[in-house]
Amino acid sequence: MTEFRYAAARRAILGAGLVAASGGIAIRKAAAQQKLAKNLIMYQDTPKGDQRCDNCTHWQPPNACAIVEGNILPQAWCGAWAPKA
């Protein structure tokens, strides 16, 4: 069972990396799938420099994300951050 959780977490992180690298192509596919848990995507309540959730392409006002589950703070950051086009 533990092996399954590690495999699922690894797939989620790799998937998020592909989403960020693809510039949003995989986002449409991700919308039909379950959102990622905050701990799998390195979510933090503080920004990383100028990188904030509210200036990310995945941001959904007022407090949501297209790929991360739960309540998302506008000033937060995660590993899937991508600049708005």
C-alpha atoms as a PDB file:
ATOM      1  CA  MET A   1       0.000   0.000   0.000  1.00  0.00           C
ATOM      2  CA  THR A   2       2.832   2.430   0.831  1.00  0.00           C
ATOM      3  CA  GLU A   3       4.448   1.648  -2.514  1.00  0.00           C
ATOM      4  CA  PHE A   4       1.202   2.624  -4.253  1.00  0.00           C
ATOM      5  CA  ARG A   5       1.080   5.986  -2.434  1.00  0.00           C
ATOM      6  CA  TYR A   6       4.660   6.795  -3.434  1.00  0.00           C
ATOM      7  CA  ALA A   7       3.930   5.876  -7.051  1.00  0.00           C
ATOM      8  CA  ALA A   8       0.784   8.038  -7.046  1.00  0.00           C
ATOM      9  CA  ALA A   9       2.659  10.982  -5.508  1.00  0.00           C
ATOM     10  CA  ARG A  10       5.487  10.620  -8.021  1.00  0.00           C
ATOM     11  CA  ARG A  11       3.017  10.593 -10.924  1.00  0.00           C
ATOM     12  CA  ALA A  12       1.267  13.687  -9.539  1.00  0.00           C
ATOM     13  CA  ILE A  13       4.516  15.626  -9.234  1.00  0.00           C
ATOM     14  CA  LEU A  14       5.699  14.579 -12.683  1.00  0.00           C
ATOM     15  CA  GLY A  15       2.306  15.479 -14.104  1.00  0.00           C
ATOM     16  CA  ALA A  16       2.483  18.931 -12.548  1.00  0.00           C
ATOM     17  CA  GLY A  17       5.933  19.406 -14.058  1.00  0.00           C
ATOM     18  CA  LEU A  18       4.597  18.505 -17.476  1.00  0.00           C
ATOM     19  CA  VAL A  19       1.740  20.942 -17.003  1.00  0.00           C
ATOM     20  CA  ALA A  20       4.129  23.752 -16.139  1.00  0.00           C
ATOM     21  CA  ALA A  21       6.500  22.855 -18.982  1.00  0.00           C
ATOM     22  CA  SER A  22       3.757  22.544 -21.577  1.00  0.00           C
ATOM     23  CA  GLY A  23       2.451  26.046 -20.984  1.00  0.00           C
ATOM     24  CA  GLY A  24      -1.083  24.865 -20.295  1.00  0.00           C
ATOM     25  CA  ILE A  25      -1.712  22.189 -22.915  1.00  0.00           C
ATOM     26  CA  ALA A  26      -2.074  19.523 -20.242  1.00  0.00           C
ATOM     27  CA  ILE A  27      -4.325  21.773 -18.132  1.00  0.00           C
ATOM     28  CA  ARG A  28      -7.357  20.926 -20.229  1.00  0.00           C
ATOM     29  CA  LYS A  29      -6.730  17.245 -19.594  1.00  0.00           C
ATOM     30  CA  ALA A  30      -6.102  17.880 -15.895  1.00  0.00           C
ATOM     31  CA  ALA A  31      -9.483  19.594 -15.554  1.00  0.00           C
ATOM     32  CA  ALA A  32     -11.176  16.236 -16.081  1.00  0.00           C
ATOM     33  CA  GLN A  33      -8.940  14.651 -13.454  1.00  0.00           C
ATOM     34  CA  GLN A  34      -8.733  15.096  -9.727  1.00  0.00           C
ATOM     35  CA  LYS A  35      -6.830  18.161  -8.506  1.00  0.00           C
ATOM     36  CA  LEU A  36      -3.467  17.743  -6.784  1.00  0.00           C
ATOM     37  CA  ALA A  37      -3.038  17.880  -3.015  1.00  0.00           C
ATOM     38  CA  LYS A  38      -1.149  20.926  -1.741  1.00  0.00           C
ATOM     39  CA  ASN A  39       1.622  18.843  -0.178  1.00  0.00           C
ATOM     40  CA  LEU A  40       2.347  17.116  -3.504  1.00  0.00           C
ATOM     41  CA  ILE A  41       2.826  20.371  -5.379  1.00  0.00           C
ATOM     42  CA  MET A  42       4.981  22.200  -2.761  1.00  0.00           C
ATOM     43  CA  TYR A  43       2.221  24.709  -1.926  1.00  0.00           C
ATOM     44  CA  GLN A  44       3.271  27.446   0.517  1.00  0.00           C
ATOM     45  CA  ASP A  45       1.286  30.362   1.937  1.00  0.00           C
ATOM     46  CA  THR A  46       3.971  32.895   0.992  1.00  0.00           C
ATOM     47  CA  PRO A  47       5.108  33.986  -2.486  1.00  0.00           C
ATOM     48  CA  LYS A  48       8.405  33.013  -4.071  1.00  0.00           C
ATOM     49  CA  GLY A  49       9.692  36.399  -5.146  1.00  0.00           C
ATOM     50  CA  ASP A  50       7.282  37.826  -7.708  1.00  0.00           C
ATOM     51  CA  GLN A  51       5.686  34.420  -8.236  1.00  0.00           C
ATOM     52  CA  ARG A  52       2.270  34.478  -6.579  1.00  0.00           C
ATOM     53  CA  CYS A  53      -0.889  32.488  -7.198  1.00  0.00           C
ATOM     54  CA  ASP A  54      -2.818  35.574  -8.274  1.00  0.00           C
ATOM     55  CA  ASN A  55      -0.399  36.151 -11.181  1.00  0.00           C
ATOM     56  CA  CYS A  56      -0.323  32.490 -12.248  1.00  0.00           C
ATOM     57  CA  THR A  57      -2.056  31.101 -15.311  1.00  0.00           C
ATOM     58  CA  HIS A  58      -3.834  28.484 -13.153  1.00  0.00           C
ATOM     59  CA  TRP A  59      -5.378  31.067 -10.770  1.00  0.00           C
ATOM     60  CA  GLN A  60      -9.173  31.059 -10.467  1.00  0.00           C
ATOM     61  CA  PRO A  61     -10.425  34.073  -8.467  1.00  0.00           C
ATOM     62  CA  PRO A  62     -11.303  34.580  -5.727  1.00  0.00           C
ATOM     63  CA  ASN A  63      -9.466  31.661  -4.042  1.00  0.00           C
ATOM     64  CA  ALA A  64      -9.034  28.602  -6.260  1.00  0.00           C
ATOM     65  CA  CYS A  65      -6.613  26.945  -8.645  1.00  0.00           C
ATOM     66  CA  ALA A  66      -7.234  24.906 -11.775  1.00  0.00           C
ATOM     67  CA  ILE A  67      -4.879  22.133 -10.643  1.00  0.00           C
ATOM     68  CA  VAL A  68      -4.445  22.382  -6.844  1.00  0.00           C
ATOM     69  CA  GLU A  69      -7.244  21.384  -4.488  1.00  0.00           C
ATOM     70  CA  GLY A  70      -8.600  23.436  -1.610  1.00  0.00           C
ATOM     71  CA  ASN A  71      -8.666  27.102  -0.671  1.00  0.00           C
ATOM     72  CA  ILE A  72      -5.774  28.931  -2.348  1.00  0.00           C
ATOM     73  CA  LEU A  73      -4.411  32.223  -1.043  1.00  0.00           C
ATOM     74  CA  PRO A  74      -3.733  34.927  -3.672  1.00  0.00           C
ATOM     75  CA  GLN A  75      -0.247  35.539  -2.228  1.00  0.00           C
ATOM     76  CA  ALA A  76       0.660  31.824  -2.044  1.00  0.00           C
ATOM     77  CA  TRP A  77       2.969  29.851  -4.382  1.00  0.00           C
ATOM     78  CA  CYS A  78       3.367  26.264  -5.607  1.00  0.00           C
ATOM     79  CA  GLY A  79       5.609  24.229  -7.871  1.00  0.00           C
ATOM     80  CA  ALA A  80       3.168  24.457 -10.779  1.00  0.00           C
ATOM     81  CA  TRP A  81       3.360  28.262 -10.930  1.00  0.00           C
ATOM     82  CA  ALA A  82       3.380  29.558 -14.507  1.00  0.00           C
ATOM     83  CA  PRO A  83       3.191  33.210 -15.594  1.00  0.00           C
ATOM     84  CA  LYS A  84      -0.007  34.500 -17.114  1.00  0.00           C
ATOM     85  CA  ALA A  85       0.280  34.900 -20.845  1.00  0.00           C
END
